[in-house]
Amino acid sequence: MVAVSAGTRTLDRVRREASRNGYQREQLTAPTFTGMNTDRNSKKNSREPQPLAEILGSFYANKSVAKQLLLPQLIENWELVVGAVVAEHTKPKMLVDDVLQVSADSTVWAAQLSALGQILVNKINVITGSSAVRRIQVSGPKANVPNYGPRTVKGRVGYRDTFG
């Protein structure tokens, strides 16, 4: 006697109910041979239930999805990548076209992280298990430039113009 799972029994019950209500099940067609690998041509019917591991495996195999999931993984493991002290002063912001953009508290921390660029790229790729990051771009804090107010001058002359 073969053990039948609860999912199989439920699926059979739903199919019987559907056939009583007039729904016809799609018939699977035999794969056609086109000279390529026959395993690739014999696809399962997309309406048939599939194991969750197979669905998630194909979802994570998609490279664009893997890149989107890489940034949260980096943010979570940032302290492992750069160390506790550096992690307090830096934070990964975004991953665009294989470039990890990181913000730093000061220009000193930005310079320090830039100097360790390729070492960190190799460490990131080992920790995450992918080669999605090829370069690190570090930016320091934005400069506060006074370009408005009562003492601004229009044109190329301004507060930086020393020699008139």
C-alpha atoms as a PDB file:
ATOM      1  CA  MET A   1       0.000   0.000   0.000  1.00  0.00           C
ATOM      2  CA  VAL A   2       1.334   3.414  -0.974  1.00  0.00           C
ATOM      3  CA  ALA A   3       1.169   6.239   1.561  1.00  0.00           C
ATOM      4  CA  VAL A   4      -0.705   9.236   0.181  1.00  0.00           C
ATOM      5  CA  SER A   5      -0.029  12.655   1.630  1.00  0.00           C
ATOM      6  CA  ALA A   6      -2.722  15.066   2.750  1.00  0.00           C
ATOM      7  CA  GLY A   7      -1.748  17.459  -0.047  1.00  0.00           C
ATOM      8  CA  THR A   8      -2.267  14.790  -2.707  1.00  0.00           C
ATOM      9  CA  ARG A   9      -5.658  13.837  -1.259  1.00  0.00           C
ATOM     10  CA  THR A  10      -6.722  17.498  -1.197  1.00  0.00           C
ATOM     11  CA  LEU A  11      -5.550  18.017  -4.778  1.00  0.00           C
ATOM     12  CA  ASP A  12      -7.496  14.955  -5.948  1.00  0.00           C
ATOM     13  CA  ARG A  13     -10.608  16.198  -4.129  1.00  0.00           C
ATOM     14  CA  VAL A  14     -10.307  19.658  -5.705  1.00  0.00           C
ATOM     15  CA  ARG A  15      -9.862  18.115  -9.166  1.00  0.00           C
ATOM     16  CA  ARG A  16     -12.975  15.943  -8.703  1.00  0.00           C
ATOM     17  CA  GLU A  17     -14.995  18.978  -7.592  1.00  0.00           C
ATOM     18  CA  ALA A  18     -13.746  20.982 -10.580  1.00  0.00           C
ATOM     19  CA  SER A  19     -14.625  18.231 -13.072  1.00  0.00           C
ATOM     20  CA  ARG A  20     -18.127  17.996 -11.566  1.00  0.00           C
ATOM     21  CA  ASN A  21     -18.507  21.755 -12.098  1.00  0.00           C
ATOM     22  CA  GLY A  22     -17.519  21.475 -15.760  1.00  0.00           C
ATOM     23  CA  TYR A  23     -13.867  22.461 -15.653  1.00  0.00           C
ATOM     24  CA  GLN A  24     -11.604  20.397 -17.867  1.00  0.00           C
ATOM     25  CA  ARG A  25      -7.972  19.836 -17.010  1.00  0.00           C
ATOM     26  CA  GLU A  26      -5.374  20.897 -19.586  1.00  0.00           C
ATOM     27  CA  GLN A  27      -3.829  17.982 -21.379  1.00  0.00           C
ATOM     28  CA  LEU A  28      -0.052  17.753 -21.352  1.00  0.00           C
ATOM     29  CA  THR A  29       1.485  17.577 -24.795  1.00  0.00           C
ATOM     30  CA  ALA A  30       4.394  15.362 -25.604  1.00  0.00           C
ATOM     31  CA  PRO A  31       7.680  17.245 -25.935  1.00  0.00           C
ATOM     32  CA  THR A  32       8.909  17.820 -29.448  1.00  0.00           C
ATOM     33  CA  PHE A  33      12.463  17.005 -30.333  1.00  0.00           C
ATOM     34  CA  THR A  34      14.288  19.985 -31.825  1.00  0.00           C
ATOM     35  CA  GLY A  35      17.760  18.549 -31.796  1.00  0.00           C
ATOM     36  CA  MET A  36      18.624  19.980 -28.383  1.00  0.00           C
ATOM     37  CA  ASN A  37      18.625  18.421 -24.974  1.00  0.00           C
ATOM     38  CA  THR A  38      15.255  16.722 -24.447  1.00  0.00           C
ATOM     39  CA  ASP A  39      15.294  17.457 -20.703  1.00  0.00           C
ATOM     40  CA  ARG A  40      15.073  21.165 -21.453  1.00  0.00           C
ATOM     41  CA  ASN A  41      12.119  20.641 -23.815  1.00  0.00           C
ATOM     42  CA  SER A  42      10.044  18.528 -21.455  1.00  0.00           C
ATOM     43  CA  LYS A  43       8.669  21.166 -19.110  1.00  0.00           C
ATOM     44  CA  LYS A  44       6.147  20.544 -16.392  1.00  0.00           C
ATOM     45  CA  ASN A  45       2.741  22.057 -16.724  1.00  0.00           C
ATOM     46  CA  SER A  46       2.940  25.455 -15.030  1.00  0.00           C
ATOM     47  CA  ARG A  47      -0.409  24.875 -13.311  1.00  0.00           C
ATOM     48  CA  GLU A  48       0.752  21.728 -11.544  1.00  0.00           C
ATOM     49  CA  PRO A  49       1.901  22.082  -7.942  1.00  0.00           C
ATOM     50  CA  GLN A  50       5.662  22.280  -7.547  1.00  0.00           C
ATOM     51  CA  PRO A  51       7.839  21.757  -4.500  1.00  0.00           C
ATOM     52  CA  LEU A  52       8.574  24.958  -2.598  1.00  0.00           C
ATOM     53  CA  ALA A  53      12.322  24.292  -2.711  1.00  0.00           C
ATOM     54  CA  GLU A  54      12.173  24.226  -6.521  1.00  0.00           C
ATOM     55  CA  ILE A  55      10.231  27.507  -6.674  1.00  0.00           C
ATOM     56  CA  LEU A  56      12.566  29.287  -4.239  1.00  0.00           C
ATOM     57  CA  GLY A  57      15.619  27.865  -6.003  1.00  0.00           C
ATOM     58  CA  SER A  58      14.549  29.346  -9.328  1.00  0.00           C
ATOM     59  CA  PHE A  59      13.648  32.621  -7.577  1.00  0.00           C
ATOM     60  CA  TYR A  60      17.088  32.961  -5.965  1.00  0.00           C
ATOM     61  CA  ALA A  61      18.855  31.827  -9.144  1.00  0.00           C
ATOM     62  CA  ASN A  62      17.612  34.978 -10.860  1.00  0.00           C
ATOM     63  CA  LYS A  63      20.611  37.344 -10.853  1.00  0.00           C
ATOM     64  CA  SER A  64      18.634  40.553 -10.461  1.00  0.00           C
ATOM     65  CA  VAL A  65      16.856  39.173  -7.392  1.00  0.00           C
ATOM     66  CA  ALA A  66      20.157  37.979  -5.953  1.00  0.00           C
ATOM     67  CA  LYS A  67      21.619  41.475  -6.333  1.00  0.00           C
ATOM     68  CA  GLN A  68      18.612  43.022  -4.604  1.00  0.00           C
ATOM     69  CA  LEU A  69      19.017  40.615  -1.707  1.00  0.00           C
ATOM     70  CA  LEU A  70      22.743  41.254  -1.448  1.00  0.00           C
ATOM     71  CA  LEU A  71      22.492  44.780  -0.003  1.00  0.00           C
ATOM     72  CA  PRO A  72      20.391  43.783   3.051  1.00  0.00           C
ATOM     73  CA  GLN A  73      22.812  40.914   3.611  1.00  0.00           C
ATOM     74  CA  LEU A  74      25.737  43.360   3.469  1.00  0.00           C
ATOM     75  CA  ILE A  75      24.073  45.803   5.859  1.00  0.00           C
ATOM     76  CA  GLU A  76      23.461  42.992   8.324  1.00  0.00           C
ATOM     77  CA  ASN A  77      27.034  41.658   8.114  1.00  0.00           C
ATOM     78  CA  TRP A  78      28.837  44.995   7.685  1.00  0.00           C
ATOM     79  CA  GLU A  79      30.579  44.672  11.047  1.00  0.00           C
ATOM     80  CA  LEU A  80      32.058  41.316   9.969  1.00  0.00           C
ATOM     81  CA  VAL A  81      33.367  42.874   6.774  1.00  0.00           C
ATOM     82  CA  VAL A  82      35.045  46.030   8.094  1.00  0.00           C
ATOM     83  CA  GLY A  83      35.309  45.503  11.848  1.00  0.00           C
ATOM     84  CA  ALA A  84      33.427  47.011  14.772  1.00  0.00           C
ATOM     85  CA  VAL A  85      35.236  50.359  14.907  1.00  0.00           C
ATOM     86  CA  VAL A  86      34.952  51.121  11.193  1.00  0.00           C
ATOM     87  CA  ALA A  87      31.338  49.901  11.118  1.00  0.00           C
ATOM     88  CA  GLU A  88      30.398  52.598  13.656  1.00  0.00           C
ATOM     89  CA  HIS A  89      31.524  55.308  11.216  1.00  0.00           C
ATOM     90  CA  THR A  90      30.530  53.832   7.839  1.00  0.00           C
ATOM     91  CA  LYS A  91      27.376  52.373   6.335  1.00  0.00           C
ATOM     92  CA  PRO A  92      26.633  50.707   2.977  1.00  0.00           C
ATOM     93  CA  LYS A  93      23.958  52.682   1.117  1.00  0.00           C
ATOM     94  CA  MET A  94      23.279  51.048  -2.254  1.00  0.00           C
ATOM     95  CA  LEU A  95      24.590  48.622  -4.837  1.00  0.00           C
ATOM     96  CA  VAL A  96      24.461  49.954  -8.392  1.00  0.00           C
ATOM     97  CA  ASP A  97      26.108  48.215 -11.365  1.00  0.00           C
ATOM     98  CA  ASP A  98      28.556  46.152  -9.292  1.00  0.00           C
ATOM     99  CA  VAL A  99      29.621  49.244  -7.297  1.00  0.00           C
ATOM    100  CA  LEU A 100      28.892  49.318  -3.577  1.00  0.00           C
ATOM    101  CA  GLN A 101      28.293  52.880  -2.425  1.00  0.00           C
ATOM    102  CA  VAL A 102      29.235  53.505   1.191  1.00  0.00           C
ATOM    103  CA  SER A 103      28.767  56.658   3.261  1.00  0.00           C
ATOM    104  CA  ALA A 104      31.224  57.690   5.966  1.00  0.00           C
ATOM    105  CA  ASP A 105      30.928  60.048   8.950  1.00  0.00           C
ATOM    106  CA  SER A 106      34.018  62.036   7.993  1.00  0.00           C
ATOM    107  CA  THR A 107      36.478  62.387   5.139  1.00  0.00           C
ATOM    108  CA  VAL A 108      39.110  60.597   7.217  1.00  0.00           C
ATOM    109  CA  TRP A 109      36.966  57.475   7.446  1.00  0.00           C
ATOM    110  CA  ALA A 110      36.126  57.780   3.744  1.00  0.00           C
ATOM    111  CA  ALA A 111      39.834  57.913   2.846  1.00  0.00           C
ATOM    112  CA  GLN A 112      40.598  54.966   5.108  1.00  0.00           C
ATOM    113  CA  LEU A 113      37.858  52.835   3.559  1.00  0.00           C
ATOM    114  CA  SER A 114      38.880  53.864   0.036  1.00  0.00           C
ATOM    115  CA  ALA A 115      42.439  52.739   0.757  1.00  0.00           C
ATOM    116  CA  LEU A 116      41.147  49.291   1.736  1.00  0.00           C
ATOM    117  CA  GLY A 117      38.908  49.091  -1.356  1.00  0.00           C
ATOM    118  CA  GLN A 118      40.018  45.886  -3.108  1.00  0.00           C
ATOM    119  CA  ILE A 119      40.656  44.048   0.158  1.00  0.00           C
ATOM    120  CA  LEU A 120      37.085  44.796   1.249  1.00  0.00           C
ATOM    121  CA  VAL A 121      35.687  43.780  -2.146  1.00  0.00           C
ATOM    122  CA  ASN A 122      37.386  40.383  -1.844  1.00  0.00           C
ATOM    123  CA  LYS A 123      36.149  39.972   1.735  1.00  0.00           C
ATOM    124  CA  ILE A 124      32.575  40.925   0.762  1.00  0.00           C
ATOM    125  CA  ASN A 125      32.558  38.423  -2.088  1.00  0.00           C
ATOM    126  CA  VAL A 126      33.826  35.663   0.204  1.00  0.00           C
ATOM    127  CA  ILE A 127      31.288  36.407   2.963  1.00  0.00           C
ATOM    128  CA  THR A 128      28.298  36.718   0.619  1.00  0.00           C
ATOM    129  CA  GLY A 129      29.373  33.871  -1.650  1.00  0.00           C
ATOM    130  CA  SER A 130      28.929  35.873  -4.843  1.00  0.00           C
ATOM    131  CA  SER A 131      31.001  38.148  -7.036  1.00  0.00           C
ATOM    132  CA  ALA A 132      28.389  40.884  -7.349  1.00  0.00           C
ATOM    133  CA  VAL A 133      30.596  43.642  -5.901  1.00  0.00           C
ATOM    134  CA  ARG A 134      33.547  44.712  -8.046  1.00  0.00           C
ATOM    135  CA  ARG A 135      34.338  48.149  -6.589  1.00  0.00           C
ATOM    136  CA  ILE A 136      33.615  50.261  -3.513  1.00  0.00           C
ATOM    137  CA  GLN A 137      32.840  53.956  -3.805  1.00  0.00           C
ATOM    138  CA  VAL A 138      33.062  55.807  -0.486  1.00  0.00           C
ATOM    139  CA  SER A 139      31.636  59.274   0.068  1.00  0.00           C
ATOM    140  CA  GLY A 140      32.215  61.505   3.060  1.00  0.00           C
ATOM    141  CA  PRO A 141      29.819  64.065   4.473  1.00  0.00           C
ATOM    142  CA  LYS A 142      28.501  66.770   2.171  1.00  0.00           C
ATOM    143  CA  ALA A 143      30.217  70.140   2.456  1.00  0.00           C
ATOM    144  CA  ASN A 144      28.130  73.004   3.794  1.00  0.00           C
ATOM    145  CA  VAL A 145      28.441  75.636   1.057  1.00  0.00           C
ATOM    146  CA  PRO A 146      26.769  78.975   1.820  1.00  0.00           C
ATOM    147  CA  ASN A 147      25.121  79.819  -1.497  1.00  0.00           C
ATOM    148  CA  TYR A 148      22.198  81.809  -0.127  1.00  0.00           C
ATOM    149  CA  GLY A 149      21.613  84.600   2.362  1.00  0.00           C
ATOM    150  CA  PRO A 150      22.344  88.314   2.687  1.00  0.00           C
ATOM    151  CA  ARG A 151      26.109  88.076   2.000  1.00  0.00           C
ATOM    152  CA  THR A 152      26.104  86.065  -1.219  1.00  0.00           C
ATOM    153  CA  VAL A 153      27.322  87.506  -4.501  1.00  0.00           C
ATOM    154  CA  LYS A 154      25.958  86.448  -7.864  1.00  0.00           C
ATOM    155  CA  GLY A 155      28.427  85.304 -10.494  1.00  0.00           C
ATOM    156  CA  ARG A 156      31.904  83.883 -10.101  1.00  0.00           C
ATOM    157  CA  VAL A 157      32.926  86.251  -7.323  1.00  0.00           C
ATOM    158  CA  GLY A 158      32.038  85.102  -3.852  1.00  0.00           C
ATOM    159  CA  TYR A 159      33.317  84.215  -0.417  1.00  0.00           C
ATOM    160  CA  ARG A 160      36.147  82.107  -1.898  1.00  0.00           C
ATOM    161  CA  ASP A 161      37.403  84.971  -4.091  1.00  0.00           C
ATOM    162  CA  THR A 162      40.447  86.287  -2.252  1.00  0.00           C
ATOM    163  CA  PHE A 163      42.137  88.413  -4.882  1.00  0.00           C
ATOM    164  CA  GLY A 164      39.079  90.181  -6.367  1.00  0.00           C
END
